[in-house]
């Protein structure tokens, strides 16, 4: 696994607009993955199905006001996941951002902030 592979993967699967993915961001992510134990930790977090099941069981118990922000062009987690979360969390609000993939705060910072402020002013 090489840094160039990470960059290609993220540009293809993570970000809607690959131009948002700066060399500095790639360097930061690569520094975590290439650190001792980094690749193994990343792999475990992606493959740990029991953790996913535990987290899924906690979702209906959330009682705090909740804003779910999701990119409409999210490729890693389909948009139906966002709708399911919004349905399972009592009173949750869902903000779907246009031209946005997996990292709304980086890809659409203005739209993210607008959704957050509207939620907080609620």
PDB file of N, CA and C in Angstrom:
ATOM      1  N   UNK A   1       0.850  -1.182   0.000  1.00  0.00           N
ATOM      2  CA  UNK A   1       0.000   0.000   0.000  1.00  0.00           C
ATOM      3  C   UNK A   1       0.882   1.226   0.000  1.00  0.00           C
ATOM      4  N   UNK A   2       0.681   2.080  -0.979  1.00  0.00           N
ATOM      5  CA  UNK A   2       1.523   3.273  -1.130  1.00  0.00           C
ATOM      6  C   UNK A   2       0.680   4.542  -0.980  1.00  0.00           C
ATOM      7  N   UNK A   3       1.381   5.627  -0.730  1.00  0.00           N
ATOM      8  CA  UNK A   3       0.714   6.925  -0.593  1.00  0.00           C
ATOM      9  C   UNK A   3      -0.056   7.274  -1.870  1.00  0.00           C
ATOM     10  N   UNK A   4       0.509   6.965  -3.022  1.00  0.00           N
ATOM     11  CA  UNK A   4      -0.178   7.259  -4.286  1.00  0.00           C
ATOM     12  C   UNK A   4      -1.479   6.451  -4.402  1.00  0.00           C
ATOM     13  N   UNK A   5      -1.495   5.229  -3.855  1.00  0.00           N
ATOM     14  CA  UNK A   5      -2.723   4.423  -3.855  1.00  0.00           C
ATOM     15  C   UNK A   5      -3.790   5.068  -2.970  1.00  0.00           C
ATOM     16  N   UNK A   6      -3.357   5.559  -1.810  1.00  0.00           N
ATOM     17  CA  UNK A   6      -4.276   6.247  -0.903  1.00  0.00           C
ATOM     18  C   UNK A   6      -4.894   7.458  -1.596  1.00  0.00           C
ATOM     19  N   UNK A   7      -4.071   8.236  -2.256  1.00  0.00           N
ATOM     20  CA  UNK A   7      -4.568   9.432  -2.938  1.00  0.00           C
ATOM     21  C   UNK A   7      -5.581   9.066  -4.019  1.00  0.00           C
ATOM     22  N   UNK A   8      -5.292   8.069  -4.818  1.00  0.00           N
ATOM     23  CA  UNK A   8      -6.228   7.641  -5.871  1.00  0.00           C
ATOM     24  C   UNK A   8      -7.546   7.168  -5.267  1.00  0.00           C
ATOM     25  N   UNK A   9      -7.450   6.365  -4.220  1.00  0.00           N
ATOM     26  CA  UNK A   9      -8.649   5.852  -3.558  1.00  0.00           C
ATOM     27  C   UNK A   9      -9.503   6.992  -3.015  1.00  0.00           C
ATOM     28  N   UNK A  10      -8.886   7.917  -2.303  1.00  0.00           N
ATOM     29  CA  UNK A  10      -9.643   9.022  -1.718  1.00  0.00           C
ATOM     30  C   UNK A  10     -10.252   9.909  -2.795  1.00  0.00           C
ATOM     31  N   UNK A  11      -9.524  10.145  -3.871  1.00  0.00           N
ATOM     32  CA  UNK A  11     -10.077  10.984  -4.943  1.00  0.00           C
ATOM     33  C   UNK A  11     -11.245  10.296  -5.641  1.00  0.00           C
ATOM     34  N   UNK A  12     -11.209   8.982  -5.704  1.00  0.00           N
ATOM     35  CA  UNK A  12     -12.258   8.230  -6.387  1.00  0.00           C
ATOM     36  C   UNK A  12     -13.466   7.969  -5.484  1.00  0.00           C
ATOM     37  N   UNK A  13     -13.225   7.692  -4.199  1.00  0.00           N
ATOM     38  CA  UNK A  13     -14.295   7.212  -3.328  1.00  0.00           C
ATOM     39  C   UNK A  13     -14.719   8.159  -2.210  1.00  0.00           C
ATOM     40  N   UNK A  14     -13.837   9.019  -1.763  1.00  0.00           N
ATOM     41  CA  UNK A  14     -14.123   9.797  -0.554  1.00  0.00           C
ATOM     42  C   UNK A  14     -14.634  11.197  -0.873  1.00  0.00           C
ATOM     43  N   UNK A  15     -13.986  11.893  -1.778  1.00  0.00           N
ATOM     44  CA  UNK A  15     -14.347  13.273  -2.085  1.00  0.00           C
ATOM     45  C   UNK A  15     -15.127  13.354  -3.389  1.00  0.00           C
ATOM     46  N   UNK A  16     -16.201  14.123  -3.393  1.00  0.00           N
ATOM     47  CA  UNK A  16     -16.953  14.358  -4.625  1.00  0.00           C
ATOM     48  C   UNK A  16     -16.099  15.147  -5.604  1.00  0.00           C
ATOM     49  N   UNK A  17     -15.458  16.199  -5.114  1.00  0.00           N
ATOM     50  CA  UNK A  17     -14.567  17.022  -5.939  1.00  0.00           C
ATOM     51  C   UNK A  17     -13.134  16.698  -5.547  1.00  0.00           C
ATOM     52  N   UNK A  18     -12.405  15.948  -6.375  1.00  0.00           N
ATOM     53  CA  UNK A  18     -11.048  15.543  -5.999  1.00  0.00           C
ATOM     54  C   UNK A  18     -10.092  16.712  -5.783  1.00  0.00           C
ATOM     55  N   UNK A  19     -10.419  17.881  -6.304  1.00  0.00           N
ATOM     56  CA  UNK A  19      -9.546  19.044  -6.123  1.00  0.00           C
ATOM     57  C   UNK A  19      -9.516  19.516  -4.670  1.00  0.00           C
ATOM     58  N   UNK A  20     -10.521  19.142  -3.905  1.00  0.00           N
ATOM     59  CA  UNK A  20     -10.571  19.521  -2.491  1.00  0.00           C
ATOM     60  C   UNK A  20      -9.497  18.786  -1.693  1.00  0.00           C
ATOM     61  N   UNK A  21      -9.111  17.634  -2.172  1.00  0.00           N
ATOM     62  CA  UNK A  21      -8.113  16.816  -1.484  1.00  0.00           C
ATOM     63  C   UNK A  21      -6.721  17.375  -1.766  1.00  0.00           C
ATOM     64  N   UNK A  22      -6.211  18.126  -0.822  1.00  0.00           N
ATOM     65  CA  UNK A  22      -4.916  18.790  -0.993  1.00  0.00           C
ATOM     66  C   UNK A  22      -3.765  17.835  -0.675  1.00  0.00           C
ATOM     67  N   UNK A  23      -2.581  18.135  -1.191  1.00  0.00           N
ATOM     68  CA  UNK A  23      -1.405  17.333  -0.829  1.00  0.00           C
ATOM     69  C   UNK A  23      -1.170  17.309   0.682  1.00  0.00           C
ATOM     70  N   UNK A  24      -1.470  18.403   1.362  1.00  0.00           N
ATOM     71  CA  UNK A  24      -1.294  18.458   2.819  1.00  0.00           C
ATOM     72  C   UNK A  24      -2.221  17.469   3.522  1.00  0.00           C
ATOM     73  N   UNK A  25      -3.444  17.358   3.035  1.00  0.00           N
ATOM     74  CA  UNK A  25      -4.407  16.415   3.623  1.00  0.00           C
ATOM     75  C   UNK A  25      -3.938  14.977   3.400  1.00  0.00           C
ATOM     76  N   UNK A  26      -3.477  14.691   2.198  1.00  0.00           N
ATOM     77  CA  UNK A  26      -2.951  13.349   1.906  1.00  0.00           C
ATOM     78  C   UNK A  26      -1.770  13.050   2.819  1.00  0.00           C
ATOM     79  N   UNK A  27      -0.877  14.026   2.984  1.00  0.00           N
ATOM     80  CA  UNK A  27       0.287  13.829   3.863  1.00  0.00           C
ATOM     81  C   UNK A  27      -0.150  13.525   5.295  1.00  0.00           C
ATOM     82  N   UNK A  28      -1.159  14.234   5.770  1.00  0.00           N
ATOM     83  CA  UNK A  28      -1.643  14.023   7.134  1.00  0.00           C
ATOM     84  C   UNK A  28      -2.217  12.610   7.306  1.00  0.00           C
ATOM     85  N   UNK A  29      -3.082  12.221   6.392  1.00  0.00           N
ATOM     86  CA  UNK A  29      -3.687  10.889   6.475  1.00  0.00           C
ATOM     87  C   UNK A  29      -2.607   9.820   6.351  1.00  0.00           C
ATOM     88  N   UNK A  30      -1.678  10.023   5.415  1.00  0.00           N
ATOM     89  CA  UNK A  30      -0.611   9.046   5.220  1.00  0.00           C
ATOM     90  C   UNK A  30       0.267   8.939   6.465  1.00  0.00           C
ATOM     91  N   UNK A  31       0.483  10.046   7.155  1.00  0.00           N
ATOM     92  CA  UNK A  31       1.317   9.994   8.362  1.00  0.00           C
ATOM     93  C   UNK A  31       0.682   9.102   9.426  1.00  0.00           C
ATOM     94  N   UNK A  32      -0.648   9.104   9.495  1.00  0.00           N
ATOM     95  CA  UNK A  32      -1.334   8.234  10.457  1.00  0.00           C
ATOM     96  C   UNK A  32      -1.283   6.771  10.016  1.00  0.00           C
ATOM     97  N   UNK A  33      -1.524   6.545   8.748  1.00  0.00           N
ATOM     98  CA  UNK A  33      -1.544   5.167   8.241  1.00  0.00           C
ATOM     99  C   UNK A  33      -0.159   4.543   8.258  1.00  0.00           C
ATOM    100  N   UNK A  34       0.862   5.334   7.955  1.00  0.00           N
ATOM    101  CA  UNK A  34       2.214   4.780   7.869  1.00  0.00           C
ATOM    102  C   UNK A  34       2.921   4.714   9.226  1.00  0.00           C
ATOM    103  N   UNK A  35       2.307   5.251  10.262  1.00  0.00           N
ATOM    104  CA  UNK A  35       2.882   5.151  11.611  1.00  0.00           C
ATOM    105  C   UNK A  35       2.859   3.688  12.051  1.00  0.00           C
ATOM    106  N   UNK A  36       3.709   3.319  12.994  1.00  0.00           N
ATOM    107  CA  UNK A  36       3.699   1.932  13.474  1.00  0.00           C
ATOM    108  C   UNK A  36       2.299   1.506  13.930  1.00  0.00           C
ATOM    109  N   UNK A  37       1.817   0.430  13.359  1.00  0.00           N
ATOM    110  CA  UNK A  37       0.493  -0.089  13.690  1.00  0.00           C
ATOM    111  C   UNK A  37      -0.644   0.611  12.974  1.00  0.00           C
ATOM    112  N   UNK A  38      -0.355   1.639  12.190  1.00  0.00           N
ATOM    113  CA  UNK A  38      -1.397   2.436  11.545  1.00  0.00           C
ATOM    114  C   UNK A  38      -2.230   1.670  10.537  1.00  0.00           C
ATOM    115  N   UNK A  39      -1.577   0.928   9.667  1.00  0.00           N
ATOM    116  CA  UNK A  39      -2.316   0.166   8.655  1.00  0.00           C
ATOM    117  C   UNK A  39      -3.207  -0.882   9.309  1.00  0.00           C
ATOM    118  N   UNK A  40      -2.674  -1.546  10.313  1.00  0.00           N
ATOM    119  CA  UNK A  40      -3.449  -2.572  11.001  1.00  0.00           C
ATOM    120  C   UNK A  40      -4.660  -1.962  11.705  1.00  0.00           C
ATOM    121  N   UNK A  41      -4.463  -0.820  12.340  1.00  0.00           N
ATOM    122  CA  UNK A  41      -5.571  -0.156  13.039  1.00  0.00           C
ATOM    123  C   UNK A  41      -6.644   0.287  12.049  1.00  0.00           C
ATOM    124  N   UNK A  42      -6.226   0.842  10.915  1.00  0.00           N
ATOM    125  CA  UNK A  42      -7.187   1.268   9.899  1.00  0.00           C
ATOM    126  C   UNK A  42      -7.972   0.071   9.378  1.00  0.00           C
ATOM    127  N   UNK A  43      -7.286  -1.008   9.117  1.00  0.00           N
ATOM    128  CA  UNK A  43      -7.940  -2.218   8.616  1.00  0.00           C
ATOM    129  C   UNK A  43      -8.936  -2.757   9.640  1.00  0.00           C
ATOM    130  N   UNK A  44      -8.521  -2.831  10.897  1.00  0.00           N
ATOM    131  CA  UNK A  44      -9.419  -3.325  11.947  1.00  0.00           C
ATOM    132  C   UNK A  44     -10.668  -2.460  12.060  1.00  0.00           C
ATOM    133  N   UNK A  45     -10.498  -1.152  11.996  1.00  0.00           N
ATOM    134  CA  UNK A  45     -11.661  -0.272  12.156  1.00  0.00           C
ATOM    135  C   UNK A  45     -12.639  -0.425  10.997  1.00  0.00           C
ATOM    136  N   UNK A  46     -12.127  -0.730   9.822  1.00  0.00           N
ATOM    137  CA  UNK A  46     -13.006  -0.923   8.670  1.00  0.00           C
ATOM    138  C   UNK A  46     -13.709  -2.275   8.695  1.00  0.00           C
ATOM    139  N   UNK A  47     -13.087  -3.253   9.292  1.00  0.00           N
ATOM    140  CA  UNK A  47     -13.592  -4.627   9.225  1.00  0.00           C
ATOM    141  C   UNK A  47     -14.277  -5.112  10.491  1.00  0.00           C
ATOM    142  N   UNK A  48     -14.297  -4.342  11.538  1.00  0.00           N
ATOM    143  CA  UNK A  48     -14.838  -4.801  12.815  1.00  0.00           C
ATOM    144  C   UNK A  48     -16.368  -4.739  12.800  1.00  0.00           C
ATOM    145  N   UNK A  49     -16.987  -5.810  12.323  1.00  0.00           N
ATOM    146  CA  UNK A  49     -18.444  -5.841  12.219  1.00  0.00           C
ATOM    147  C   UNK A  49     -19.128  -5.833  13.577  1.00  0.00           C
ATOM    148  N   UNK A  50     -18.504  -6.432  14.583  1.00  0.00           N
ATOM    149  CA  UNK A  50     -19.134  -6.439  15.904  1.00  0.00           C
ATOM    150  C   UNK A  50     -19.236  -5.020  16.453  1.00  0.00           C
ATOM    151  N   UNK A  51     -18.237  -4.188  16.164  1.00  0.00           N
ATOM    152  CA  UNK A  51     -18.292  -2.791  16.597  1.00  0.00           C
ATOM    153  C   UNK A  51     -19.445  -2.076  15.909  1.00  0.00           C
ATOM    154  N   UNK A  52     -19.620  -2.332  14.625  1.00  0.00           N
ATOM    155  CA  UNK A  52     -20.724  -1.710  13.892  1.00  0.00           C
ATOM    156  C   UNK A  52     -22.068  -2.102  14.495  1.00  0.00           C
ATOM    157  N   UNK A  53     -22.199  -3.366  14.847  1.00  0.00           N
ATOM    158  CA  UNK A  53     -23.456  -3.835  15.440  1.00  0.00           C
ATOM    159  C   UNK A  53     -23.704  -3.188  16.797  1.00  0.00           C
ATOM    160  N   UNK A  54     -22.649  -3.038  17.607  1.00  0.00           N
ATOM    161  CA  UNK A  54     -22.802  -2.370  18.909  1.00  0.00           C
ATOM    162  C   UNK A  54     -23.242  -0.927  18.711  1.00  0.00           C
ATOM    163  N   UNK A  55     -22.582  -0.243  17.803  1.00  0.00           N
ATOM    164  CA  UNK A  55     -22.930   1.159  17.556  1.00  0.00           C
ATOM    165  C   UNK A  55     -24.368   1.260  17.064  1.00  0.00           C
ATOM    166  N   UNK A  56     -24.760   0.395  16.150  1.00  0.00           N
ATOM    167  CA  UNK A  56     -26.131   0.418  15.627  1.00  0.00           C
ATOM    168  C   UNK A  56     -27.153   0.227  16.744  1.00  0.00           C
ATOM    169  N   UNK A  57     -26.824  -0.582  17.732  1.00  0.00           N
ATOM    170  CA  UNK A  57     -27.768  -0.803  18.834  1.00  0.00           C
ATOM    171  C   UNK A  57     -27.903   0.424  19.734  1.00  0.00           C
ATOM    172  N   UNK A  58     -26.913   1.292  19.730  1.00  0.00           N
ATOM    173  CA  UNK A  58     -26.960   2.496  20.574  1.00  0.00           C
ATOM    174  C   UNK A  58     -27.761   3.625  19.928  1.00  0.00           C
ATOM    175  N   UNK A  59     -27.896   3.621  18.631  1.00  0.00           N
ATOM    176  CA  UNK A  59     -28.486   4.751  17.913  1.00  0.00           C
ATOM    177  C   UNK A  59     -29.880   5.117  18.418  1.00  0.00           C
ATOM    178  N   UNK A  60     -30.801   4.179  18.586  1.00  0.00           N
ATOM    179  CA  UNK A  60     -32.138   4.569  19.050  1.00  0.00           C
ATOM    180  C   UNK A  60     -32.161   5.147  20.465  1.00  0.00           C
ATOM    181  N   UNK A  61     -31.096   4.968  21.217  1.00  0.00           N
ATOM    182  CA  UNK A  61     -31.052   5.484  22.593  1.00  0.00           C
ATOM    183  C   UNK A  61     -30.559   6.927  22.664  1.00  0.00           C
ATOM    184  N   UNK A  62     -30.176   7.501  21.543  1.00  0.00           N
ATOM    185  CA  UNK A  62     -29.704   8.889  21.539  1.00  0.00           C
ATOM    186  C   UNK A  62     -30.881   9.802  21.851  1.00  0.00           C
ATOM    187  N   UNK A  63     -30.709  10.661  22.849  1.00  0.00           N
ATOM    188  CA  UNK A  63     -31.790  11.577  23.225  1.00  0.00           C
ATOM    189  C   UNK A  63     -31.402  13.041  23.038  1.00  0.00           C
ATOM    190  N   UNK A  64     -30.147  13.301  22.792  1.00  0.00           N
ATOM    191  CA  UNK A  64     -29.686  14.680  22.599  1.00  0.00           C
ATOM    192  C   UNK A  64     -30.144  15.194  21.235  1.00  0.00           C
ATOM    193  N   UNK A  65     -30.379  16.503  21.126  1.00  0.00           N
ATOM    194  CA  UNK A  65     -30.670  17.060  19.806  1.00  0.00           C
ATOM    195  C   UNK A  65     -29.548  16.673  18.840  1.00  0.00           C
ATOM    196  N   UNK A  66     -29.933  16.180  17.677  1.00  0.00           N
ATOM    197  CA  UNK A  66     -28.957  15.607  16.759  1.00  0.00           C
ATOM    198  C   UNK A  66     -29.122  16.166  15.357  1.00  0.00           C
ATOM    199  N   UNK A  67     -28.019  16.605  14.789  1.00  0.00           N
ATOM    200  CA  UNK A  67     -27.967  17.027  13.391  1.00  0.00           C
ATOM    201  C   UNK A  67     -27.114  16.021  12.639  1.00  0.00           C
ATOM    202  N   UNK A  68     -27.676  15.459  11.593  1.00  0.00           N
ATOM    203  CA  UNK A  68     -26.946  14.546  10.721  1.00  0.00           C
ATOM    204  C   UNK A  68     -26.644  15.312   9.445  1.00  0.00           C
ATOM    205  N   UNK A  69     -25.365  15.477   9.142  1.00  0.00           N
ATOM    206  CA  UNK A  69     -24.949  16.182   7.927  1.00  0.00           C
ATOM    207  C   UNK A  69     -24.362  15.140   6.988  1.00  0.00           C
ATOM    208  N   UNK A  70     -24.887  15.090   5.767  1.00  0.00           N
ATOM    209  CA  UNK A  70     -24.496  14.038   4.828  1.00  0.00           C
ATOM    210  C   UNK A  70     -24.299  14.632   3.442  1.00  0.00           C
ATOM    211  N   UNK A  71     -23.262  14.203   2.774  1.00  0.00           N
ATOM    212  CA  UNK A  71     -23.056  14.610   1.387  1.00  0.00           C
ATOM    213  C   UNK A  71     -23.945  13.803   0.454  1.00  0.00           C
ATOM    214  N   UNK A  72     -24.624  14.479  -0.449  1.00  0.00           N
ATOM    215  CA  UNK A  72     -25.513  13.778  -1.380  1.00  0.00           C
ATOM    216  C   UNK A  72     -24.754  12.830  -2.308  1.00  0.00           C
ATOM    217  N   UNK A  73     -23.478  13.085  -2.504  1.00  0.00           N
ATOM    218  CA  UNK A  73     -22.670  12.231  -3.371  1.00  0.00           C
ATOM    219  C   UNK A  73     -21.755  11.312  -2.563  1.00  0.00           C
ATOM    220  N   UNK A  74     -22.109  11.064  -1.325  1.00  0.00           N
ATOM    221  CA  UNK A  74     -21.366  10.141  -0.456  1.00  0.00           C
ATOM    222  C   UNK A  74     -21.296   8.770  -1.120  1.00  0.00           C
ATOM    223  N   UNK A  75     -20.089   8.231  -1.260  1.00  0.00           N
ATOM    224  CA  UNK A  75     -19.918   6.926  -1.902  1.00  0.00           C
ATOM    225  C   UNK A  75     -19.631   5.816  -0.894  1.00  0.00           C
ATOM    226  N   UNK A  76     -19.045   6.150   0.242  1.00  0.00           N
ATOM    227  CA  UNK A  76     -18.680   5.131   1.225  1.00  0.00           C
ATOM    228  C   UNK A  76     -19.891   4.625   2.002  1.00  0.00           C
ATOM    229  N   UNK A  77     -20.790   5.538   2.334  1.00  0.00           N
ATOM    230  CA  UNK A  77     -22.002   5.189   3.083  1.00  0.00           C
ATOM    231  C   UNK A  77     -23.185   5.766   2.305  1.00  0.00           C
ATOM    232  N   UNK A  78     -23.974   4.921   1.664  1.00  0.00           N
ATOM    233  CA  UNK A  78     -25.076   5.402   0.822  1.00  0.00           C
ATOM    234  C   UNK A  78     -26.027   6.329   1.578  1.00  0.00           C
ATOM    235  N   UNK A  79     -26.687   7.164   0.830  1.00  0.00           N
ATOM    236  CA  UNK A  79     -27.562   8.180   1.414  1.00  0.00           C
ATOM    237  C   UNK A  79     -28.714   7.549   2.203  1.00  0.00           C
ATOM    238  N   UNK A  80     -29.096   6.323   1.871  1.00  0.00           N
ATOM    239  CA  UNK A  80     -30.163   5.689   2.653  1.00  0.00           C
ATOM    240  C   UNK A  80     -29.738   5.475   4.102  1.00  0.00           C
ATOM    241  N   UNK A  81     -28.425   5.400   4.360  1.00  0.00           N
ATOM    242  CA  UNK A  81     -27.945   5.318   5.745  1.00  0.00           C
ATOM    243  C   UNK A  81     -28.300   6.603   6.499  1.00  0.00           C
ATOM    244  N   UNK A  82     -28.179   7.737   5.833  1.00  0.00           N
ATOM    245  CA  UNK A  82     -28.514   9.017   6.469  1.00  0.00           C
ATOM    246  C   UNK A  82     -29.995   9.067   6.824  1.00  0.00           C
ATOM    247  N   UNK A  83     -30.821   8.630   5.892  1.00  0.00           N
ATOM    248  CA  UNK A  83     -32.268   8.633   6.151  1.00  0.00           C
ATOM    249  C   UNK A  83     -32.623   7.661   7.278  1.00  0.00           C
ATOM    250  N   UNK A  84     -31.946   6.515   7.312  1.00  0.00           N
ATOM    251  CA  UNK A  84     -32.204   5.545   8.380  1.00  0.00           C
ATOM    252  C   UNK A  84     -31.805   6.118   9.740  1.00  0.00           C
ATOM    253  N   UNK A  85     -30.626   6.761   9.799  1.00  0.00           N
ATOM    254  CA  UNK A  85     -30.201   7.387  11.057  1.00  0.00           C
ATOM    255  C   UNK A  85     -31.213   8.429  11.512  1.00  0.00           C
ATOM    256  N   UNK A  86     -31.639   9.263  10.580  1.00  0.00           N
ATOM    257  CA  UNK A  86     -32.596  10.317  10.928  1.00  0.00           C
ATOM    258  C   UNK A  86     -33.905   9.727  11.443  1.00  0.00           C
ATOM    259  N   UNK A  87     -34.301   8.591  10.897  1.00  0.00           N
ATOM    260  CA  UNK A  87     -35.539   7.946  11.347  1.00  0.00           C
ATOM    261  C   UNK A  87     -35.364   7.269  12.704  1.00  0.00           C
ATOM    262  N   UNK A  88     -34.164   6.777  12.992  1.00  0.00           N
ATOM    263  CA  UNK A  88     -33.931   6.023  14.225  1.00  0.00           C
ATOM    264  C   UNK A  88     -33.578   6.892  15.428  1.00  0.00           C
ATOM    265  N   UNK A  89     -33.117   8.112  15.188  1.00  0.00           N
ATOM    266  CA  UNK A  89     -32.765   9.006  16.293  1.00  0.00           C
ATOM    267  C   UNK A  89     -33.941   9.948  16.527  1.00  0.00           C
ATOM    268  N   UNK A  90     -34.580   9.866  17.678  1.00  0.00           N
ATOM    269  CA  UNK A  90     -35.750  10.702  17.937  1.00  0.00           C
ATOM    270  C   UNK A  90     -35.449  12.190  17.737  1.00  0.00           C
ATOM    271  N   UNK A  91     -36.248  12.826  16.885  1.00  0.00           N
ATOM    272  CA  UNK A  91     -36.127  14.259  16.665  1.00  0.00           C
ATOM    273  C   UNK A  91     -34.927  14.706  15.855  1.00  0.00           C
ATOM    274  N   UNK A  92     -34.186  13.793  15.269  1.00  0.00           N
ATOM    275  CA  UNK A  92     -32.985  14.166  14.511  1.00  0.00           C
ATOM    276  C   UNK A  92     -33.348  15.002  13.290  1.00  0.00           C
ATOM    277  N   UNK A  93     -32.461  15.915  12.959  1.00  0.00           N
ATOM    278  CA  UNK A  93     -32.581  16.727  11.748  1.00  0.00           C
ATOM    279  C   UNK A  93     -31.534  16.231  10.759  1.00  0.00           C
ATOM    280  N   UNK A  94     -31.902  16.214   9.480  1.00  0.00           N
ATOM    281  CA  UNK A  94     -30.999  15.749   8.435  1.00  0.00           C
ATOM    282  C   UNK A  94     -30.723  16.878   7.462  1.00  0.00           C
ATOM    283  N   UNK A  95     -29.448  17.179   7.257  1.00  0.00           N
ATOM    284  CA  UNK A  95     -29.029  18.176   6.270  1.00  0.00           C
ATOM    285  C   UNK A  95     -28.246  17.449   5.187  1.00  0.00           C
ATOM    286  N   UNK A  96     -28.765  17.485   3.960  1.00  0.00           N
ATOM    287  CA  UNK A  96     -28.094  16.856   2.825  1.00  0.00           C
ATOM    288  C   UNK A  96     -27.414  17.943   2.007  1.00  0.00           C
ATOM    289  N   UNK A  97     -26.107  17.809   1.829  1.00  0.00           N
ATOM    290  CA  UNK A  97     -25.336  18.840   1.143  1.00  0.00           C
ATOM    291  C   UNK A  97     -25.060  18.447  -0.305  1.00  0.00           C
ATOM    292  N   UNK A  98     -25.312  19.387  -1.202  1.00  0.00           N
ATOM    293  CA  UNK A  98     -25.068  19.195  -2.635  1.00  0.00           C
ATOM    294  C   UNK A  98     -23.568  19.150  -2.919  1.00  0.00           C
ATOM    295  N   UNK A  99     -23.209  18.467  -4.000  1.00  0.00           N
ATOM    296  CA  UNK A  99     -21.816  18.407  -4.475  1.00  0.00           C
ATOM    297  C   UNK A  99     -20.854  18.080  -3.340  1.00  0.00           C
ATOM    298  N   UNK A 100     -21.201  17.048  -2.580  1.00  0.00           N
ATOM    299  CA  UNK A 100     -20.441  16.723  -1.379  1.00  0.00           C
ATOM    300  C   UNK A 100     -20.385  15.218  -1.185  1.00  0.00           C
ATOM    301  N   UNK A 101     -19.197  14.745  -0.813  1.00  0.00           N
ATOM    302  CA  UNK A 101     -18.990  13.332  -0.539  1.00  0.00           C
ATOM    303  C   UNK A 101     -18.919  13.053   0.950  1.00  0.00           C
ATOM    304  N   UNK A 102     -17.852  12.370   1.371  1.00  0.00           N
ATOM    305  CA  UNK A 102     -17.724  11.843   2.729  1.00  0.00           C
ATOM    306  C   UNK A 102     -17.281  12.869   3.776  1.00  0.00           C
ATOM    307  N   UNK A 103     -16.715  13.983   3.366  1.00  0.00           N
ATOM    308  CA  UNK A 103     -16.188  14.972   4.320  1.00  0.00           C
ATOM    309  C   UNK A 103     -16.862  16.336   4.128  1.00  0.00           C
ATOM    310  N   UNK A 104     -18.115  16.481   4.576  1.00  0.00           N
ATOM    311  CA  UNK A 104     -18.842  17.735   4.363  1.00  0.00           C
ATOM    312  C   UNK A 104     -18.128  18.978   4.878  1.00  0.00           C
ATOM    313  N   UNK A 105     -17.495  18.880   6.034  1.00  0.00           N
ATOM    314  CA  UNK A 105     -16.860  20.070   6.614  1.00  0.00           C
ATOM    315  C   UNK A 105     -15.689  20.547   5.752  1.00  0.00           C
ATOM    316  N   UNK A 106     -15.063  19.650   5.018  1.00  0.00           N
ATOM    317  CA  UNK A 106     -13.959  20.032   4.140  1.00  0.00           C
ATOM    318  C   UNK A 106     -14.432  20.365   2.733  1.00  0.00           C
ATOM    319  N   UNK A 107     -15.420  19.632   2.244  1.00  0.00           N
ATOM    320  CA  UNK A 107     -15.860  19.815   0.864  1.00  0.00           C
ATOM    321  C   UNK A 107     -16.811  20.991   0.685  1.00  0.00           C
ATOM    322  N   UNK A 108     -17.675  21.200   1.650  1.00  0.00           N
ATOM    323  CA  UNK A 108     -18.670  22.271   1.575  1.00  0.00           C
ATOM    324  C   UNK A 108     -18.726  23.010   2.910  1.00  0.00           C
ATOM    325  N   UNK A 109     -17.636  23.683   3.291  1.00  0.00           N
ATOM    326  CA  UNK A 109     -17.605  24.300   4.621  1.00  0.00           C
ATOM    327  C   UNK A 109     -18.697  25.345   4.840  1.00  0.00           C
ATOM    328  N   UNK A 110     -19.020  26.124   3.812  1.00  0.00           N
ATOM    329  CA  UNK A 110     -20.051  27.151   3.992  1.00  0.00           C
ATOM    330  C   UNK A 110     -21.424  26.512   4.194  1.00  0.00           C
ATOM    331  N   UNK A 111     -21.741  25.518   3.375  1.00  0.00           N
ATOM    332  CA  UNK A 111     -23.032  24.832   3.508  1.00  0.00           C
ATOM    333  C   UNK A 111     -23.113  24.083   4.836  1.00  0.00           C
ATOM    334  N   UNK A 112     -21.993  23.496   5.251  1.00  0.00           N
ATOM    335  CA  UNK A 112     -21.953  22.807   6.540  1.00  0.00           C
ATOM    336  C   UNK A 112     -22.246  23.795   7.668  1.00  0.00           C
ATOM    337  N   UNK A 113     -21.571  24.931   7.648  1.00  0.00           N
ATOM    338  CA  UNK A 113     -21.764  25.940   8.691  1.00  0.00           C
ATOM    339  C   UNK A 113     -23.193  26.470   8.680  1.00  0.00           C
ATOM    340  N   UNK A 114     -23.740  26.686   7.503  1.00  0.00           N
ATOM    341  CA  UNK A 114     -25.120  27.164   7.396  1.00  0.00           C
ATOM    342  C   UNK A 114     -26.092  26.157   8.025  1.00  0.00           C
ATOM    343  N   UNK A 115     -25.906  24.879   7.731  1.00  0.00           N
ATOM    344  CA  UNK A 115     -26.767  23.838   8.309  1.00  0.00           C
ATOM    345  C   UNK A 115     -26.600  23.773   9.823  1.00  0.00           C
ATOM    346  N   UNK A 116     -25.369  23.876  10.283  1.00  0.00           N
ATOM    347  CA  UNK A 116     -25.096  23.820  11.718  1.00  0.00           C
ATOM    348  C   UNK A 116     -25.711  25.011  12.445  1.00  0.00           C
ATOM    349  N   UNK A 117     -25.531  26.205  11.902  1.00  0.00           N
ATOM    350  CA  UNK A 117     -26.099  27.394  12.544  1.00  0.00           C
ATOM    351  C   UNK A 117     -27.624  27.337  12.573  1.00  0.00           C
ATOM    352  N   UNK A 118     -28.238  26.885  11.484  1.00  0.00           N
ATOM    353  CA  UNK A 118     -29.703  26.757  11.453  1.00  0.00           C
ATOM    354  C   UNK A 118     -30.172  25.769  12.520  1.00  0.00           C
ATOM    355  N   UNK A 119     -29.434  24.690  12.688  1.00  0.00           N
ATOM    356  CA  UNK A 119     -29.773  23.692  13.706  1.00  0.00           C
ATOM    357  C   UNK A 119     -29.630  24.281  15.107  1.00  0.00           C
ATOM    358  N   UNK A 120     -28.530  24.976  15.353  1.00  0.00           N
ATOM    359  CA  UNK A 120     -28.281  25.542  16.683  1.00  0.00           C
ATOM    360  C   UNK A 120     -29.260  26.659  17.030  1.00  0.00           C
ATOM    361  N   UNK A 121     -29.675  27.411  16.008  1.00  0.00           N
ATOM    362  CA  UNK A 121     -30.618  28.509  16.240  1.00  0.00           C
ATOM    363  C   UNK A 121     -32.051  28.004  16.329  1.00  0.00           C
ATOM    364  N   UNK A 122     -32.258  26.776  15.861  1.00  0.00           N
ATOM    365  CA  UNK A 122     -33.436  26.037  15.790  1.00  0.00           C
ATOM    366  C   UNK A 122     -34.742  26.304  16.212  1.00  0.00           C
TER     367      UNK A 122
END
